[in-house]
Amino acid sequence: MKRDVLDQFLRDLASLITVLRIYPAGNEQVVRAADKAAATLAGFGRPVRIARVGQAVVVEDRTLEEPATALVALLDRLAARGREALQIDAAVRGSELAGWLAAALRGEVPGAGGLIRAGSFELEDEAETPASEAETAAGYLSLLPGVRETLSELADERQEGLSRAREIVRVIAGQVATGEKLFDPIRDLKAHDDYTFTHALNVCVLTTGMCRVLGMAEALVDTVSLAALCHDIGKEKVPTAILNKQGPLDAGETEIMNRHPAEGAAVLLRLPEKVHPLLPIVAFQHHRHADGSGYPSRPTHPGPHPASLLVAVADVFDALCTVRPYQDPRSTESAFSVMLRRAHEGRIDPLYLGAFTRLLGLLTPGDRVRLGDGRAAWVVEAGPHPPLRPVVRLENGTTLLLAREPELWLDGMEDRAA
């Protein structure tokens, strides 16, 4: 029923835009069309988010297959002023809606008491020449205000946060599909004041990339990436003093910290509109390990969902590589070495760590590695073999195909800069 009302509002909105392109805002036909659109939106009962992501028009949780020409024209005008997203509150009056749209069609970005807002979550455009590290990082971090606002809205159990989150995920998915532009800042930015939000963004980007490597269907990529963006939402309920404590947590603080997966799942389940089940599942399970250990403890419960294990790989890597009050950041190779050992112990799923390996271009020919028996070796070939079991050459010149050596495993990777 809600979907039908939303579709009707989009038709009414397109009709209003069409009329406004012919008549001034006070015209009788404009007034009639505006009142109709406002009444339909009031019946929908909550704000509507409409965004232009690349060439696609995204409304709430879906991409419009054939958006109305009038709606596309409006979004084009807004995009020309650096505004790709439009939110219209259900309480807006017809006269406010008509006045705002008329100004927008003239190329302005007006205000209407907060009931209609235009904004952007888009990254900076790809330059024709390679961007510097600083420029790439700045473009990446331009998503942070949107992430911050989104997670804060979700923590307050406001439904519009979910729409914003979907838009951010679509932007990220579009960038990931065009190459590795987003991965360098994750590896290079070791510290940032907004750790909580930077971490959420990093985990989302890495998860999206792994989903692409695994060849997942587009709809599933969007859902798992959305779950990744929201995986730590429960930390909004943890006191800042505990999150930023210098040194190890005591037993009481650890107990509070360990509640954040359950808190996050509860927040997502309490949203006014039902979310995809994977979101609360991943929020609840992202600290549970492939072997069933971790927290929250569920000794008789089936193992974590595959999506939770996938997000956990990105979560662990970013946590290891970031400056925190209690740790120095690790290099990419050092963090990967920790993850290799955890995979051998059964705590990280090797399939998803393999996807991560391919995503970041690790274990390529020439990389120096350490085997589980302590011997040093060099990667000779990644080839068609499982990513965590490449062909390696020992110091004595012997070549080993680890896919055929079940008693051997990779225990670490040396820093490439060493």
Protein backbone atom coordinates (compact mmCIF):
# COMPACT_ATOMS: atom_id res chain seq x y z
CA MET A 1 0.00 0.00 0.00
CA LYS A 2 2.78 2.45 0.95
CA ARG A 3 4.56 1.64 -2.32
CA ASP A 4 1.39 2.50 -4.28
CA VAL A 5 1.08 5.84 -2.48
CA LEU A 6 4.73 6.64 -3.12
CA ASP A 7 4.35 5.82 -6.82
CA GLN A 8 1.32 8.10 -6.99
CA PHE A 9 3.27 10.92 -5.34
CA LEU A 10 6.03 10.57 -7.91
CA ARG A 11 3.46 10.87 -10.68
CA ASP A 12 1.88 13.88 -8.99
CA LEU A 13 5.29 15.46 -8.50
CA ALA A 14 6.17 14.97 -12.16
CA SER A 15 2.84 16.53 -13.18
CA LEU A 16 3.49 19.52 -10.92
CA ILE A 17 6.95 20.02 -12.41
CA THR A 18 5.51 19.84 -15.91
CA VAL A 19 2.87 22.46 -15.09
CA LEU A 20 5.48 24.71 -13.46
CA ARG A 21 7.52 24.68 -16.64
CA ILE A 22 4.51 26.28 -18.38
CA TYR A 23 2.79 28.46 -15.77
CA PRO A 24 3.98 30.63 -12.83
CA ALA A 25 3.69 29.35 -9.26
CA GLY A 26 0.43 31.21 -8.49
CA ASN A 27 -1.45 29.86 -11.52
CA GLU A 28 -4.67 27.95 -10.76
CA GLN A 29 -3.42 24.79 -12.50
CA VAL A 30 -0.18 24.94 -10.54
CA VAL A 31 -2.06 25.39 -7.25
CA ARG A 32 -4.30 22.44 -8.04
CA ALA A 33 -1.36 20.18 -9.01
CA ALA A 34 0.69 21.25 -5.98
CA ASP A 35 -2.15 20.61 -3.53
CA LYS A 36 -2.70 17.18 -5.03
CA ALA A 37 0.98 16.25 -4.73
CA ALA A 38 1.16 17.56 -1.14
CA ALA A 39 -1.98 15.61 -0.17
CA THR A 40 -0.57 12.39 -1.62
CA LEU A 41 2.71 12.89 0.22
CA ALA A 42 0.80 13.54 3.46
CA GLY A 43 -0.92 10.21 2.90
CA PHE A 44 2.47 8.54 2.51
CA GLY A 45 3.23 9.87 5.98
CA ARG A 46 6.99 10.33 5.98
CA PRO A 47 9.73 12.19 4.08
CA VAL A 48 10.64 11.06 0.59
CA ARG A 49 14.24 11.02 -0.61
CA ILE A 50 14.99 11.29 -4.33
CA ALA A 51 18.59 11.16 -5.54
CA ARG A 52 20.54 11.25 -8.77
CA VAL A 53 23.37 8.68 -8.60
CA GLY A 54 25.24 8.78 -11.88
CA GLN A 55 22.56 8.36 -14.52
CA ALA A 56 20.19 6.53 -12.16
CA VAL A 57 17.31 8.04 -10.19
CA VAL A 58 17.01 6.44 -6.76
CA VAL A 59 13.86 6.80 -4.64
CA GLU A 60 13.88 5.26 -1.17
CA ASP A 61 15.03 1.66 -1.66
CA ARG A 62 14.88 1.31 -5.42
CA THR A 63 16.16 2.65 -8.71
CA LEU A 64 13.43 3.92 -11.03
CA GLU A 65 13.46 1.98 -14.28
CA GLU A 66 11.82 4.76 -16.31
CA PRO A 67 11.83 8.02 -14.32
CA ALA A 68 9.51 10.73 -15.58
CA THR A 69 11.17 13.21 -17.92
CA ALA A 70 10.01 16.11 -15.77
CA LEU A 71 11.58 14.58 -12.65
CA VAL A 72 14.88 14.01 -14.47
CA ALA A 73 14.82 17.63 -15.63
CA LEU A 74 14.46 18.84 -12.04
CA LEU A 75 17.29 16.62 -10.83
CA ASP A 76 19.48 17.87 -13.66
CA ARG A 77 18.89 21.47 -12.53
CA LEU A 78 19.77 20.57 -8.95
CA ALA A 79 22.85 18.59 -10.02
CA ALA A 80 24.10 21.62 -11.91
CA ARG A 81 24.23 23.38 -8.54
CA GLY A 82 25.99 20.47 -6.83
CA ARG A 83 22.86 18.95 -5.27
CA GLU A 84 22.16 15.33 -6.18
CA ALA A 85 19.69 14.46 -3.39
CA LEU A 86 16.27 15.94 -2.64
CA GLN A 87 14.20 15.33 0.49
CA ILE A 88 10.57 16.47 0.78
CA ASP A 89 8.86 16.27 4.18
CA ALA A 90 5.35 14.85 4.40
CA ALA A 91 4.19 18.01 6.20
CA VAL A 92 4.97 20.33 3.29
CA ARG A 93 2.09 22.44 1.98
CA GLY A 94 1.23 22.68 -1.69
CA SER A 95 2.20 26.35 -1.89
CA GLU A 96 5.61 25.65 -0.32
CA LEU A 97 6.20 22.74 -2.68
CA ALA A 98 5.26 24.77 -5.76
CA GLY A 99 7.36 27.78 -4.70
CA TRP A 100 10.43 25.66 -3.97
CA LEU A 101 10.20 23.72 -7.22
CA ALA A 102 9.66 26.88 -9.28
CA ALA A 103 12.85 28.38 -7.83
CA ALA A 104 14.76 25.14 -8.38
CA LEU A 105 13.68 25.05 -12.02
CA ARG A 106 15.08 28.57 -12.38
CA GLY A 107 18.45 27.21 -11.28
CA GLU A 108 18.26 28.29 -7.62
CA VAL A 109 18.55 26.08 -4.51
CA PRO A 110 15.98 27.66 -2.18
CA GLY A 111 14.94 26.76 1.35
CA ALA A 112 11.50 26.06 2.82
CA GLY A 113 11.88 25.97 6.58
CA GLY A 114 13.63 22.62 6.45
CA LEU A 115 10.63 20.86 4.88
CA ILE A 116 12.41 20.59 1.54
CA ARG A 117 16.16 20.10 1.41
CA ALA A 118 18.65 19.48 -1.37
CA GLY A 119 22.08 18.05 -0.71
CA SER A 120 24.82 15.84 -2.07
CA PHE A 121 26.68 12.67 -1.16
CA GLU A 122 28.62 12.53 -4.41
CA LEU A 123 32.40 12.14 -4.57
CA GLU A 124 34.49 14.60 -6.52
CA ASP A 125 34.59 13.84 -10.23
CA GLU A 126 37.43 11.74 -11.58
CA ALA A 127 40.09 14.05 -12.94
CA GLU A 128 41.48 13.54 -16.41
CA THR A 129 44.94 13.35 -14.91
CA PRO A 130 45.74 11.18 -11.88
CA ALA A 131 44.76 12.91 -8.65
CA SER A 132 47.32 13.47 -5.93
CA GLU A 133 47.06 11.46 -2.72
CA ALA A 134 45.70 14.53 -0.91
CA GLU A 135 43.06 15.16 -3.60
CA THR A 136 41.96 11.53 -3.60
CA ALA A 137 41.71 11.50 0.19
CA ALA A 138 39.74 14.75 0.18
CA GLY A 139 37.28 13.32 -2.34
CA TYR A 140 36.88 10.19 -0.26
CA LEU A 141 36.35 12.11 2.96
CA SER A 142 33.68 14.25 1.29
CA LEU A 143 31.33 11.36 2.00
CA LEU A 144 31.91 11.61 5.76
CA PRO A 145 29.33 14.33 6.54
CA GLY A 146 26.67 12.19 4.88
CA VAL A 147 27.79 9.10 6.79
CA ARG A 148 27.83 11.02 10.06
CA GLU A 149 24.32 12.38 9.56
CA THR A 150 23.03 9.01 8.36
CA LEU A 151 24.30 7.00 11.32
CA SER A 152 23.14 9.64 13.78
CA GLU A 153 19.64 9.52 12.28
CA LEU A 154 19.61 5.74 12.44
CA ALA A 155 20.80 5.76 16.05
CA ASP A 156 17.86 8.05 16.81
CA GLU A 157 15.63 5.51 15.01
CA ARG A 158 14.65 7.99 12.31
CA GLN A 159 13.58 6.31 9.09
CA GLU A 160 15.13 8.93 6.80
CA GLY A 161 18.56 7.70 7.87
CA LEU A 162 17.94 4.47 6.00
CA SER A 163 17.16 6.32 2.77
CA ARG A 164 20.35 8.35 3.13
CA ALA A 165 22.31 5.17 3.79
CA ARG A 166 20.99 3.62 0.59
CA GLU A 167 22.08 6.67 -1.39
CA ILE A 168 25.60 6.52 0.05
CA VAL A 169 25.83 2.82 -0.78
CA ARG A 170 24.76 3.50 -4.38
CA VAL A 171 27.43 6.20 -4.74
CA ILE A 172 30.08 3.85 -3.31
CA ALA A 173 28.95 0.98 -5.54
CA GLY A 174 29.23 3.21 -8.61
CA GLN A 175 32.76 4.31 -7.65
CA VAL A 176 33.92 0.77 -6.85
CA ALA A 177 32.60 -0.47 -10.19
CA THR A 178 34.87 1.95 -12.06
CA GLY A 179 38.15 0.90 -10.40
CA GLU A 180 40.17 1.08 -7.21
CA LYS A 181 40.00 4.83 -6.65
CA LEU A 182 38.47 4.41 -3.18
CA PHE A 183 40.96 1.88 -1.80
CA ASP A 184 44.10 4.02 -1.55
CA PRO A 185 42.66 6.39 1.08
CA ILE A 186 41.67 3.42 3.24
CA ARG A 187 45.25 2.21 3.23
CA ASP A 188 46.81 5.65 3.60
CA LEU A 189 44.59 7.44 6.11
CA LYS A 190 45.72 6.00 9.44
CA ALA A 191 44.06 8.56 11.71
CA HIS A 192 41.00 10.75 11.56
CA ASP A 193 39.03 12.54 14.25
CA ASP A 194 35.75 10.94 13.14
CA TYR A 195 36.94 7.35 13.61
CA THR A 196 33.44 5.92 14.09
CA PHE A 197 32.20 7.33 10.81
CA THR A 198 35.44 6.83 8.87
CA HIS A 199 35.42 3.19 10.00
CA ALA A 200 31.84 2.71 8.82
CA LEU A 201 32.70 4.23 5.43
CA ASN A 202 35.88 2.15 5.06
CA VAL A 203 34.12 -1.11 5.97
CA CYS A 204 31.33 -0.34 3.52
CA VAL A 205 33.74 0.36 0.65
CA LEU A 206 35.83 -2.75 1.31
CA THR A 207 32.72 -4.90 1.63
CA THR A 208 31.35 -3.56 -1.65
CA GLY A 209 34.62 -4.40 -3.35
CA MET A 210 34.66 -7.95 -1.98
CA CYS A 211 31.08 -8.47 -3.12
CA ARG A 212 32.15 -7.44 -6.62
CA VAL A 213 35.12 -9.84 -6.54
CA LEU A 214 32.76 -12.65 -5.53
CA GLY A 215 30.43 -11.84 -8.44
CA MET A 216 27.33 -11.24 -6.32
CA ALA A 217 24.11 -10.02 -7.92
CA GLU A 218 23.63 -6.24 -7.84
CA ALA A 219 20.71 -6.32 -5.39
CA LEU A 220 22.69 -8.48 -2.96
CA VAL A 221 25.73 -6.19 -3.27
CA ASP A 222 23.55 -3.24 -2.26
CA THR A 223 22.06 -5.09 0.71
CA VAL A 224 25.34 -6.43 2.09
CA SER A 225 27.03 -3.05 1.59
CA LEU A 226 24.18 -1.33 3.42
CA ALA A 227 24.58 -3.80 6.28
CA ALA A 228 28.31 -3.00 6.33
CA LEU A 229 27.67 0.74 6.57
CA CYS A 230 25.34 0.14 9.54
CA HIS A 231 27.27 -2.69 11.22
CA ASP A 232 28.56 -0.63 14.16
CA ILE A 233 25.45 1.48 14.76
CA GLY A 234 25.26 0.04 18.29
CA LYS A 235 28.43 1.93 19.25
CA GLU A 236 26.30 5.08 19.26
CA LYS A 237 25.00 3.70 22.58
CA VAL A 238 28.49 3.21 24.08
CA PRO A 239 29.82 6.10 26.22
CA THR A 240 32.53 8.13 24.50
CA ALA A 241 34.81 7.68 27.50
CA ILE A 242 34.85 3.93 26.86
CA LEU A 243 35.23 4.23 23.08
CA ASN A 244 38.24 6.55 23.46
CA LYS A 245 39.82 5.09 26.59
CA GLN A 246 43.61 4.99 26.64
CA GLY A 247 44.65 1.43 27.42
CA PRO A 248 42.69 -1.77 27.96
CA LEU A 249 39.09 -1.78 29.19
CA ASP A 250 38.25 -3.21 32.60
CA ALA A 251 35.68 -6.00 33.01
CA GLY A 252 32.72 -3.63 33.40
CA GLU A 253 33.73 -1.51 30.41
CA THR A 254 34.28 -4.62 28.29
CA GLU A 255 30.79 -5.81 29.15
CA ILE A 256 29.32 -2.48 28.02
CA MET A 257 31.38 -2.49 24.81
CA ASN A 258 30.37 -6.06 24.03
CA ARG A 259 26.72 -5.05 24.07
CA HIS A 260 27.05 -2.92 20.95
CA PRO A 261 26.20 -5.71 18.46
CA ALA A 262 22.91 -6.43 20.24
CA GLU A 263 22.22 -2.70 20.66
CA GLY A 264 22.80 -2.16 16.93
CA ALA A 265 20.49 -4.98 15.91
CA ALA A 266 17.81 -3.62 18.23
CA VAL A 267 18.09 -0.11 16.75
CA LEU A 268 17.67 -1.43 13.22
CA LEU A 269 14.72 -3.61 14.20
CA ARG A 270 12.98 -0.64 15.84
CA LEU A 271 13.04 1.54 12.72
CA PRO A 272 9.53 2.61 11.70
CA GLU A 273 9.71 0.68 8.42
CA LYS A 274 10.93 -2.90 8.30
CA VAL A 275 14.51 -3.25 7.05
CA HIS A 276 16.07 -6.15 5.17
CA PRO A 277 16.82 -8.94 7.69
CA LEU A 278 20.53 -8.90 6.81
CA LEU A 279 21.00 -5.48 8.43
CA PRO A 280 20.22 -6.52 12.03
CA ILE A 281 21.83 -9.92 11.44
CA VAL A 282 25.17 -8.38 10.42
CA ALA A 283 24.99 -5.79 13.20
CA PHE A 284 24.44 -8.60 15.72
CA GLN A 285 26.99 -11.07 14.32
CA HIS A 286 29.94 -9.04 13.01
CA HIS A 287 32.07 -9.95 16.07
CA ARG A 288 31.20 -13.63 15.89
CA HIS A 289 33.85 -15.76 14.23
CA ALA A 290 33.66 -18.44 11.56
CA ASP A 291 34.30 -21.15 14.20
CA GLY A 292 31.42 -19.90 16.39
CA SER A 293 33.59 -18.08 18.92
CA GLY A 294 33.44 -14.33 19.54
CA TYR A 295 30.52 -12.36 20.90
CA PRO A 296 27.60 -12.26 21.52
CA SER A 297 28.03 -15.89 22.52
CA ARG A 298 25.51 -18.31 21.03
CA PRO A 299 26.92 -21.81 21.81
CA THR A 300 23.89 -23.74 20.49
CA HIS A 301 23.09 -21.37 17.63
CA PRO A 302 24.12 -22.00 13.99
CA GLY A 303 27.26 -20.22 12.82
CA PRO A 304 27.24 -16.61 11.61
CA HIS A 305 25.52 -15.69 8.36
CA PRO A 306 27.91 -15.51 5.35
CA ALA A 307 27.23 -11.77 5.06
CA SER A 308 28.38 -11.31 8.67
CA LEU A 309 31.60 -13.21 7.97
CA LEU A 310 32.21 -11.10 4.85
CA VAL A 311 31.72 -7.79 6.69
CA ALA A 312 33.90 -9.06 9.54
CA VAL A 313 36.91 -9.30 7.18
CA ALA A 314 36.62 -5.61 6.29
CA ASP A 315 35.92 -4.71 9.93
CA VAL A 316 39.03 -6.46 11.23
CA PHE A 317 41.33 -5.02 8.55
CA ASP A 318 40.26 -1.42 9.07
CA ALA A 319 40.43 -1.73 12.86
CA LEU A 320 43.99 -3.07 12.65
CA CYS A 321 45.15 -0.32 10.27
CA THR A 322 43.75 2.67 12.15
CA VAL A 323 45.23 4.78 14.95
CA ARG A 324 43.25 4.17 18.13
CA PRO A 325 43.92 5.28 21.72
CA TYR A 326 45.07 1.76 22.60
CA GLN A 327 47.09 0.79 19.49
CA ASP A 328 49.43 1.98 16.77
CA PRO A 329 48.28 1.39 13.20
CA ARG A 330 49.56 -1.62 11.31
CA SER A 331 50.69 -1.62 7.71
CA THR A 332 48.48 -3.36 5.15
CA GLU A 333 50.83 -6.34 5.10
CA SER A 334 51.06 -6.58 8.88
CA ALA A 335 47.28 -6.46 9.25
CA PHE A 336 46.92 -9.06 6.53
CA SER A 337 49.37 -11.31 8.39
CA VAL A 338 47.21 -11.14 11.50
CA MET A 339 44.20 -12.04 9.38
CA LEU A 340 46.02 -14.99 7.78
CA ARG A 341 46.72 -16.42 11.24
CA ARG A 342 43.11 -15.91 12.29
CA ALA A 343 41.95 -17.68 9.14
CA HIS A 344 44.23 -20.63 9.97
CA GLU A 345 42.75 -20.68 13.49
CA GLY A 346 39.24 -20.80 12.04
CA ARG A 347 38.18 -17.32 13.15
CA ILE A 348 38.09 -15.71 9.67
CA ASP A 349 36.43 -17.40 6.70
CA PRO A 350 39.17 -18.15 4.12
CA LEU A 351 36.78 -17.68 1.18
CA TYR A 352 36.12 -14.06 2.12
CA LEU A 353 39.73 -13.39 3.08
CA GLY A 354 40.61 -14.72 -0.37
CA ALA A 355 38.23 -12.19 -1.95
CA PHE A 356 39.86 -9.47 0.15
CA THR A 357 43.29 -10.64 -1.03
CA ARG A 358 42.29 -10.27 -4.67
CA LEU A 359 40.61 -6.93 -3.99
CA LEU A 360 43.75 -5.28 -2.58
CA GLY A 361 46.17 -7.08 -4.87
CA LEU A 362 47.96 -8.99 -2.12
CA LEU A 363 50.00 -12.20 -2.57
CA THR A 364 51.14 -11.27 -6.05
CA PRO A 365 54.36 -12.52 -7.69
CA GLY A 366 57.42 -11.27 -5.82
CA ASP A 367 55.72 -10.82 -2.44
CA ARG A 368 57.75 -12.31 0.41
CA VAL A 369 55.73 -14.55 2.73
CA ARG A 370 56.23 -16.75 5.77
CA LEU A 371 54.92 -20.31 5.95
CA GLY A 372 53.37 -21.89 9.01
CA ASP A 373 56.54 -23.92 9.68
CA GLY A 374 58.60 -20.71 9.82
CA ARG A 375 60.24 -20.93 6.39
CA ALA A 376 60.46 -17.84 4.18
CA ALA A 377 59.26 -17.95 0.59
CA TRP A 378 58.32 -15.76 -2.36
CA VAL A 379 55.05 -15.85 -4.25
CA VAL A 380 55.65 -17.11 -7.77
CA GLU A 381 52.13 -17.30 -9.10
CA ALA A 382 48.66 -16.54 -7.85
CA GLY A 383 47.10 -18.13 -10.92
CA PRO A 384 43.87 -20.15 -10.68
CA HIS A 385 44.68 -21.56 -7.27
CA PRO A 386 42.84 -20.56 -4.06
CA PRO A 387 44.11 -17.04 -3.25
CA LEU A 388 45.49 -18.07 0.14
CA ARG A 389 47.36 -21.03 -1.41
CA PRO A 390 49.56 -19.61 -4.20
CA VAL A 391 52.62 -21.15 -5.81
CA VAL A 392 55.69 -20.17 -3.75
CA ARG A 393 59.44 -20.59 -4.05
CA LEU A 394 61.55 -21.38 -0.98
CA GLU A 395 64.97 -19.87 -0.31
CA ASN A 396 66.62 -23.12 -1.52
CA GLY A 397 64.86 -22.79 -4.88
CA THR A 398 62.19 -25.42 -4.27
CA THR A 399 58.78 -24.55 -5.72
CA LEU A 400 55.67 -25.51 -3.78
CA LEU A 401 52.05 -25.48 -4.88
CA LEU A 402 50.35 -24.78 -1.55
CA ALA A 403 47.02 -25.99 -2.93
CA ARG A 404 48.60 -29.46 -2.88
CA GLU A 405 50.32 -29.05 0.50
CA PRO A 406 47.50 -29.29 3.08
CA GLU A 407 49.94 -29.38 6.00
CA LEU A 408 51.37 -25.98 5.04
CA TRP A 409 49.72 -22.56 5.23
CA LEU A 410 50.61 -18.89 4.91
CA ASP A 411 51.41 -17.43 8.31
CA GLY A 412 52.34 -13.89 7.23
CA MET A 413 53.41 -11.47 4.53
CA GLU A 414 56.43 -9.18 4.73
CA ASP A 415 55.99 -5.45 4.21
CA ARG A 416 56.55 -4.57 0.58
CA ALA A 417 58.35 -1.38 1.61
CA ALA A 418 60.86 -3.31 3.72
